[in-house]
Amino acid sequence: MTTNYPLTELPESTTPPRTADVTRNTAETRIRLKLNLDGSGQSRLSTGIGFFDHMLDQIARHGMIDLDIEADGDLHVDGHHTVEDVGIALGQAFHQAMGDKKGIRRYGHAYVPLDEALSRVVVDFSGRPGLVMDVPFRSSTIGNLDTQLVHEFFQGFVNHAFVTLHIDNLKGENAHHQAETVFKAFARAVRVAVERDPRAAGTIPSTKGSL
C-alpha cells in the first residue's frame, strides 16, 4: 500500500548529516575546511595553487561531496606545506564526518581513464592508516603544482582519515592526465566506500565490531 503525503507533511529524515568543519592553523599555513559527505558535488576552493584547486574540485564533483576550502600558506617558500596540510585537514574532516562508520560500505575502488592515461584507486576505511602509491609522473610540475606533492597530499589524508589507500597509475604519458585520473578515481572510490548500505544499517562492517 502506498501512502501519499502532502509536501508539507513528509516525514523528516532521521539520518544525521555527515558534515565536518575543520580549522588548522600553524606557523606555515592557515586552513579552514568544510565538508558534507552527502552533498551534491559543490565546491569553493582557494589554496593559491591553481592546479591543486582543479584536483580538489575533482574530489568534490566526482565524489558527490560538498567541499569548501580556504588555505593561506607560505607559498613564497613552495607549495609543500599548503598541499600537505590541506590533505591533513581533509583527512581530519572525513574522520569527523564518518563518526562510528555504522552502515557504510567501507571498501571502494575505481578505474578512471582520460585519453591515454588510466588510474586505479582502492580504499578501505579500516581505521588503519596506510598508503601505497605508484604514480610515475612524466613531469616534475603541472602548472604551479610540484608533482611530488601529490604523494604528500594523500599521505596527509590517510594519516588523519585512518584509511588504507592504494593508488596506481597504470598508463599515462601526459602528467596532467595522470594526475586527473588519480584524483577522479580517488573520488569515485571514496564515494562508494562512504555510501550507506541499506542492508547494513546500524552495523559496523568489521568482525572486530569497530573501525
C-alpha atoms as a PDB file:
ATOM      1  CA  MET A   1       0.000   0.000   0.000  1.00  0.00           C
ATOM      2  CA  THR A   2       1.406   3.395  -0.989  1.00  0.00           C
ATOM      3  CA  THR A   3       0.890   6.399   1.240  1.00  0.00           C
ATOM      4  CA  ASN A   4       0.883   9.784  -0.448  1.00  0.00           C
ATOM      5  CA  TYR A   5       1.985  12.571   1.863  1.00  0.00           C
ATOM      6  CA  PRO A   6       1.301  16.234   1.126  1.00  0.00           C
ATOM      7  CA  LEU A   7       4.606  18.037   0.617  1.00  0.00           C
ATOM      8  CA  THR A   8       4.249  19.818   3.932  1.00  0.00           C
ATOM      9  CA  GLU A   9       3.798  16.548   5.800  1.00  0.00           C
ATOM     10  CA  LEU A  10       6.669  14.418   4.524  1.00  0.00           C
ATOM     11  CA  PRO A  11       8.291  12.535   7.391  1.00  0.00           C
ATOM     12  CA  GLU A  12      11.628  14.043   8.373  1.00  0.00           C
ATOM     13  CA  SER A  13      14.774  12.010   7.801  1.00  0.00           C
ATOM     14  CA  THR A  14      16.241  10.544  10.963  1.00  0.00           C
ATOM     15  CA  THR A  15      19.649  10.134   9.329  1.00  0.00           C
ATOM     16  CA  PRO A  16      22.075  12.644  10.836  1.00  0.00           C
ATOM     17  CA  PRO A  17      24.048  14.747   8.373  1.00  0.00           C
ATOM     18  CA  ARG A  18      27.664  13.718   7.867  1.00  0.00           C
ATOM     19  CA  THR A  19      29.420  17.045   7.959  1.00  0.00           C
ATOM     20  CA  ALA A  20      32.635  18.446   9.395  1.00  0.00           C
ATOM     21  CA  ASP A  21      34.217  21.836   9.973  1.00  0.00           C
ATOM     22  CA  VAL A  22      37.986  21.799  10.491  1.00  0.00           C
ATOM     23  CA  THR A  23      40.383  24.637  11.223  1.00  0.00           C
ATOM     24  CA  ARG A  24      44.124  24.033  11.082  1.00  0.00           C
ATOM     25  CA  ASN A  25      46.472  26.897  11.956  1.00  0.00           C
ATOM     26  CA  THR A  26      50.236  26.521  12.082  1.00  0.00           C
ATOM     27  CA  ALA A  27      53.212  28.819  11.599  1.00  0.00           C
ATOM     28  CA  GLU A  28      53.190  27.692   7.946  1.00  0.00           C
ATOM     29  CA  THR A  29      49.521  27.512   6.963  1.00  0.00           C
ATOM     30  CA  ARG A  30      46.049  28.628   7.967  1.00  0.00           C
ATOM     31  CA  ILE A  31      43.294  26.360   6.698  1.00  0.00           C
ATOM     32  CA  ARG A  32      39.505  26.339   7.072  1.00  0.00           C
ATOM     33  CA  LEU A  33      37.743  23.329   5.579  1.00  0.00           C
ATOM     34  CA  LYS A  34      34.072  22.388   5.494  1.00  0.00           C
ATOM     35  CA  LEU A  35      32.857  19.011   4.274  1.00  0.00           C
ATOM     36  CA  ASN A  36      29.484  17.412   3.573  1.00  0.00           C
ATOM     37  CA  LEU A  37      29.781  13.738   2.647  1.00  0.00           C
ATOM     38  CA  ASP A  38      26.165  13.646   1.466  1.00  0.00           C
ATOM     39  CA  GLY A  39      26.365  16.678  -0.760  1.00  0.00           C
ATOM     40  CA  SER A  40      25.898  17.251  -4.480  1.00  0.00           C
ATOM     41  CA  GLY A  41      29.459  17.883  -5.641  1.00  0.00           C
ATOM     42  CA  GLN A  42      29.625  21.608  -4.954  1.00  0.00           C
ATOM     43  CA  SER A  43      32.945  23.223  -4.127  1.00  0.00           C
ATOM     44  CA  ARG A  44      34.518  26.538  -3.206  1.00  0.00           C
ATOM     45  CA  LEU A  45      38.286  26.270  -3.282  1.00  0.00           C
ATOM     46  CA  SER A  46      41.105  28.728  -2.695  1.00  0.00           C
ATOM     47  CA  THR A  47      44.567  27.331  -1.951  1.00  0.00           C
ATOM     48  CA  GLY A  48      46.682  29.659  -4.066  1.00  0.00           C
ATOM     49  CA  ILE A  49      47.768  26.720  -6.248  1.00  0.00           C
ATOM     50  CA  GLY A  50      45.589  26.664  -9.339  1.00  0.00           C
ATOM     51  CA  PHE A  51      46.144  23.093 -10.465  1.00  0.00           C
ATOM     52  CA  PHE A  52      45.681  21.821  -6.895  1.00  0.00           C
ATOM     53  CA  ASP A  53      42.311  23.598  -6.743  1.00  0.00           C
ATOM     54  CA  HIS A  54      41.421  21.858 -10.013  1.00  0.00           C
ATOM     55  CA  MET A  55      42.238  18.459  -8.472  1.00  0.00           C
ATOM     56  CA  LEU A  56      40.286  19.196  -5.281  1.00  0.00           C
ATOM     57  CA  ASP A  57      37.329  20.089  -7.475  1.00  0.00           C
ATOM     58  CA  GLN A  58      37.562  16.601  -8.990  1.00  0.00           C
ATOM     59  CA  ILE A  59      37.223  15.124  -5.494  1.00  0.00           C
ATOM     60  CA  ALA A  60      34.096  17.151  -4.803  1.00  0.00           C
ATOM     61  CA  ARG A  61      32.446  16.718  -8.176  1.00  0.00           C
ATOM     62  CA  HIS A  62      33.124  13.015  -8.731  1.00  0.00           C
ATOM     63  CA  GLY A  63      32.830  12.071  -5.066  1.00  0.00           C
ATOM     64  CA  MET A  64      29.496  13.894  -4.760  1.00  0.00           C
ATOM     65  CA  ILE A  65      30.669  15.686  -1.640  1.00  0.00           C
ATOM     66  CA  ASP A  66      30.457  19.391  -0.876  1.00  0.00           C
ATOM     67  CA  LEU A  67      33.861  20.885  -0.169  1.00  0.00           C
ATOM     68  CA  ASP A  68      34.771  24.376   0.984  1.00  0.00           C
ATOM     69  CA  ILE A  69      38.491  25.034   1.463  1.00  0.00           C
ATOM     70  CA  GLU A  70      40.328  28.267   2.201  1.00  0.00           C
ATOM     71  CA  ALA A  71      44.089  27.882   2.593  1.00  0.00           C
ATOM     72  CA  ASP A  72      46.634  30.603   3.221  1.00  0.00           C
ATOM     73  CA  GLY A  73      50.091  29.052   3.139  1.00  0.00           C
ATOM     74  CA  ASP A  74      53.730  30.050   2.814  1.00  0.00           C
ATOM     75  CA  LEU A  75      53.758  29.797  -0.977  1.00  0.00           C
ATOM     76  CA  HIS A  76      56.759  32.120  -1.071  1.00  0.00           C
ATOM     77  CA  VAL A  77      58.680  29.050   0.154  1.00  0.00           C
ATOM     78  CA  ASP A  78      56.916  26.487  -2.039  1.00  0.00           C
ATOM     79  CA  GLY A  79      53.625  24.590  -2.113  1.00  0.00           C
ATOM     80  CA  HIS A  80      54.661  21.738   0.172  1.00  0.00           C
ATOM     81  CA  HIS A  81      53.143  22.917   3.459  1.00  0.00           C
ATOM     82  CA  THR A  82      49.908  24.060   1.835  1.00  0.00           C
ATOM     83  CA  VAL A  83      49.280  20.827  -0.073  1.00  0.00           C
ATOM     84  CA  GLU A  84      50.256  18.556   2.820  1.00  0.00           C
ATOM     85  CA  ASP A  85      48.209  20.491   5.375  1.00  0.00           C
ATOM     86  CA  VAL A  86      45.128  20.522   3.152  1.00  0.00           C
ATOM     87  CA  GLY A  87      45.488  16.730   2.965  1.00  0.00           C
ATOM     88  CA  ILE A  88      45.716  16.568   6.756  1.00  0.00           C
ATOM     89  CA  ALA A  89      42.674  18.802   7.213  1.00  0.00           C
ATOM     90  CA  LEU A  90      40.666  16.791   4.677  1.00  0.00           C
ATOM     91  CA  GLY A  91      41.569  13.577   6.491  1.00  0.00           C
ATOM     92  CA  GLN A  92      40.503  15.078   9.811  1.00  0.00           C
ATOM     93  CA  ALA A  93      37.232  16.206   8.254  1.00  0.00           C
ATOM     94  CA  PHE A  94      36.485  12.743   6.857  1.00  0.00           C
ATOM     95  CA  HIS A  95      37.270  11.150  10.217  1.00  0.00           C
ATOM     96  CA  GLN A  96      34.991  13.606  11.981  1.00  0.00           C
ATOM     97  CA  ALA A  97      32.134  13.290   9.483  1.00  0.00           C
ATOM     98  CA  MET A  98      32.221   9.466   9.355  1.00  0.00           C
ATOM     99  CA  GLY A  99      31.580   9.081  13.065  1.00  0.00           C
ATOM    100  CA  ASP A 100      31.321   5.432  14.123  1.00  0.00           C
ATOM    101  CA  LYS A 101      31.085   4.307  10.457  1.00  0.00           C
ATOM    102  CA  LYS A 102      27.943   2.279  11.065  1.00  0.00           C
ATOM    103  CA  GLY A 103      26.228   1.182   7.883  1.00  0.00           C
ATOM    104  CA  ILE A 104      28.892   2.275   5.418  1.00  0.00           C
ATOM    105  CA  ARG A 105      30.155   0.048   2.624  1.00  0.00           C
ATOM    106  CA  ARG A 106      33.719   0.607   3.906  1.00  0.00           C
ATOM    107  CA  TYR A 107      35.509  -0.501   0.712  1.00  0.00           C
ATOM    108  CA  GLY A 108      35.587   1.264  -2.609  1.00  0.00           C
ATOM    109  CA  HIS A 109      37.537   1.050  -5.833  1.00  0.00           C
ATOM    110  CA  ALA A 110      37.516   2.771  -9.192  1.00  0.00           C
ATOM    111  CA  TYR A 111      39.288   2.775 -12.534  1.00  0.00           C
ATOM    112  CA  VAL A 112      39.252   6.090 -14.387  1.00  0.00           C
ATOM    113  CA  PRO A 113      40.657   6.796 -17.864  1.00  0.00           C
ATOM    114  CA  LEU A 114      41.472  10.107 -19.512  1.00  0.00           C
ATOM    115  CA  ASP A 115      42.683   9.741 -23.074  1.00  0.00           C
ATOM    116  CA  GLU A 116      45.927   7.699 -22.828  1.00  0.00           C
ATOM    117  CA  ALA A 117      46.018   7.700 -19.022  1.00  0.00           C
ATOM    118  CA  LEU A 118      44.400   5.155 -16.703  1.00  0.00           C
ATOM    119  CA  SER A 119      44.474   5.006 -12.906  1.00  0.00           C
ATOM    120  CA  ARG A 120      43.133   2.637 -10.269  1.00  0.00           C
ATOM    121  CA  VAL A 121      42.371   3.587  -6.674  1.00  0.00           C
ATOM    122  CA  VAL A 122      41.264   1.217  -3.902  1.00  0.00           C
ATOM    123  CA  VAL A 123      40.283   2.484  -0.451  1.00  0.00           C
ATOM    124  CA  ASP A 124      39.396   0.826   2.843  1.00  0.00           C
ATOM    125  CA  PHE A 125      38.056   2.892   5.746  1.00  0.00           C
ATOM    126  CA  SER A 126      39.767   0.415   8.022  1.00  0.00           C
ATOM    127  CA  GLY A 127      40.812   2.632  10.909  1.00  0.00           C
ATOM    128  CA  ARG A 128      44.445   1.900   9.971  1.00  0.00           C
ATOM    129  CA  PRO A 129      46.410   4.498   8.006  1.00  0.00           C
ATOM    130  CA  GLY A 130      48.418   3.194   5.084  1.00  0.00           C
ATOM    131  CA  LEU A 131      49.352   4.482   1.654  1.00  0.00           C
ATOM    132  CA  VAL A 132      50.771   2.529  -1.284  1.00  0.00           C
ATOM    133  CA  MET A 133      51.193   4.796  -4.292  1.00  0.00           C
ATOM    134  CA  ASP A 134      52.788   4.102  -7.669  1.00  0.00           C
ATOM    135  CA  VAL A 135      52.411   7.091  -9.972  1.00  0.00           C
ATOM    136  CA  PRO A 136      55.388   7.668 -12.301  1.00  0.00           C
ATOM    137  CA  PHE A 137      54.638  11.261 -13.255  1.00  0.00           C
ATOM    138  CA  ARG A 138      56.026  12.260 -16.655  1.00  0.00           C
ATOM    139  CA  SER A 139      56.732  15.807 -15.491  1.00  0.00           C
ATOM    140  CA  SER A 140      58.031  17.342 -12.262  1.00  0.00           C
ATOM    141  CA  THR A 141      55.415  20.095 -12.317  1.00  0.00           C
ATOM    142  CA  ILE A 142      51.869  20.569 -13.569  1.00  0.00           C
ATOM    143  CA  GLY A 143      51.018  24.239 -13.709  1.00  0.00           C
ATOM    144  CA  ASN A 144      52.221  25.537 -10.350  1.00  0.00           C
ATOM    145  CA  LEU A 145      51.993  22.183  -8.558  1.00  0.00           C
ATOM    146  CA  ASP A 146      55.098  20.095  -7.845  1.00  0.00           C
ATOM    147  CA  THR A 147      54.028  16.537  -8.703  1.00  0.00           C
ATOM    148  CA  GLN A 148      55.920  15.169  -5.676  1.00  0.00           C
ATOM    149  CA  LEU A 149      53.302  16.903  -3.525  1.00  0.00           C
ATOM    150  CA  VAL A 150      50.521  14.619  -4.767  1.00  0.00           C
ATOM    151  CA  HIS A 151      52.021  11.896  -2.571  1.00  0.00           C
ATOM    152  CA  GLU A 152      52.279  14.328   0.361  1.00  0.00           C
ATOM    153  CA  PHE A 153      48.603  15.233  -0.017  1.00  0.00           C
ATOM    154  CA  PHE A 154      47.437  11.635   0.070  1.00  0.00           C
ATOM    155  CA  GLN A 155      49.857  10.762   2.895  1.00  0.00           C
ATOM    156  CA  GLY A 156      48.409  13.561   4.994  1.00  0.00           C
ATOM    157  CA  PHE A 157      44.901  12.360   4.167  1.00  0.00           C
ATOM    158  CA  VAL A 158      45.394   8.704   5.084  1.00  0.00           C
ATOM    159  CA  ASN A 159      47.249   9.542   8.304  1.00  0.00           C
ATOM    160  CA  HIS A 160      44.303  11.544   9.615  1.00  0.00           C
ATOM    161  CA  ALA A 161      41.323   9.827   7.960  1.00  0.00           C
ATOM    162  CA  PHE A 162      42.698   6.472   9.167  1.00  0.00           C
ATOM    163  CA  VAL A 163      42.232   4.715   5.840  1.00  0.00           C
ATOM    164  CA  THR A 164      44.202   2.269   3.733  1.00  0.00           C
ATOM    165  CA  LEU A 165      44.702   3.657   0.239  1.00  0.00           C
ATOM    166  CA  HIS A 166      46.245   2.083  -2.865  1.00  0.00           C
ATOM    167  CA  ILE A 167      46.866   4.335  -5.864  1.00  0.00           C
ATOM    168  CA  ASP A 168      48.254   3.090  -9.172  1.00  0.00           C
ATOM    169  CA  ASN A 169      48.644   4.961 -12.425  1.00  0.00           C
ATOM    170  CA  LEU A 170      48.530   2.072 -14.882  1.00  0.00           C
ATOM    171  CA  LYS A 171      49.124   4.064 -18.060  1.00  0.00           C
ATOM    172  CA  GLY A 172      49.898   7.651 -18.930  1.00  0.00           C
ATOM    173  CA  GLU A 173      52.159   9.911 -20.951  1.00  0.00           C
ATOM    174  CA  ASN A 174      50.747  13.312 -20.015  1.00  0.00           C
ATOM    175  CA  ALA A 175      51.263  14.346 -16.374  1.00  0.00           C
ATOM    176  CA  HIS A 176      48.053  16.393 -16.288  1.00  0.00           C
ATOM    177  CA  HIS A 177      46.104  13.351 -17.440  1.00  0.00           C
ATOM    178  CA  GLN A 178      47.889  11.119 -14.937  1.00  0.00           C
ATOM    179  CA  ALA A 179      47.026  13.388 -12.019  1.00  0.00           C
ATOM    180  CA  GLU A 180      43.462  13.918 -13.107  1.00  0.00           C
ATOM    181  CA  THR A 181      42.773  10.186 -13.409  1.00  0.00           C
ATOM    182  CA  VAL A 182      44.259   9.654  -9.943  1.00  0.00           C
ATOM    183  CA  PHE A 183      42.080  12.287  -8.283  1.00  0.00           C
ATOM    184  CA  LYS A 184      38.947  11.263 -10.147  1.00  0.00           C
ATOM    185  CA  ALA A 185      39.479   7.594  -9.285  1.00  0.00           C
ATOM    186  CA  PHE A 186      40.096   8.547  -5.658  1.00  0.00           C
ATOM    187  CA  ALA A 187      36.826  10.477  -5.622  1.00  0.00           C
ATOM    188  CA  ARG A 188      34.839   7.632  -7.136  1.00  0.00           C
ATOM    189  CA  ALA A 189      36.356   5.036  -4.803  1.00  0.00           C
ATOM    190  CA  VAL A 190      35.641   7.172  -1.744  1.00  0.00           C
ATOM    191  CA  ARG A 191      32.097   7.805  -2.954  1.00  0.00           C
ATOM    192  CA  VAL A 192      31.433   4.061  -2.953  1.00  0.00           C
ATOM    193  CA  ALA A 193      33.162   3.409   0.374  1.00  0.00           C
ATOM    194  CA  VAL A 194      31.316   6.072   2.386  1.00  0.00           C
ATOM    195  CA  GLU A 195      27.943   5.254   0.871  1.00  0.00           C
ATOM    196  CA  ARG A 196      25.376   3.957   3.322  1.00  0.00           C
ATOM    197  CA  ASP A 197      24.420   0.340   2.637  1.00  0.00           C
ATOM    198  CA  PRO A 198      20.695  -0.112   3.427  1.00  0.00           C
ATOM    199  CA  ARG A 199      21.252  -3.791   4.196  1.00  0.00           C
ATOM    200  CA  ALA A 200      23.910  -2.958   6.789  1.00  0.00           C
ATOM    201  CA  ALA A 201      22.118  -0.148   8.587  1.00  0.00           C
ATOM    202  CA  GLY A 202      23.302   0.229  12.174  1.00  0.00           C
ATOM    203  CA  THR A 203      26.097  -2.327  11.859  1.00  0.00           C
ATOM    204  CA  ILE A 204      29.868  -1.943  11.769  1.00  0.00           C
ATOM    205  CA  PRO A 205      31.387  -3.547   8.629  1.00  0.00           C
ATOM    206  CA  SER A 206      34.025  -5.462  10.574  1.00  0.00           C
ATOM    207  CA  THR A 207      34.207  -8.706  12.539  1.00  0.00           C
ATOM    208  CA  LYS A 208      36.035  -6.715  15.226  1.00  0.00           C
ATOM    209  CA  GLY A 209      32.922  -4.667  15.871  1.00  0.00           C
ATOM    210  CA  SER A 210      34.737  -1.357  15.400  1.00  0.00           C
ATOM    211  CA  LEU A 211      36.718   0.534  12.785  1.00  0.00           C
END
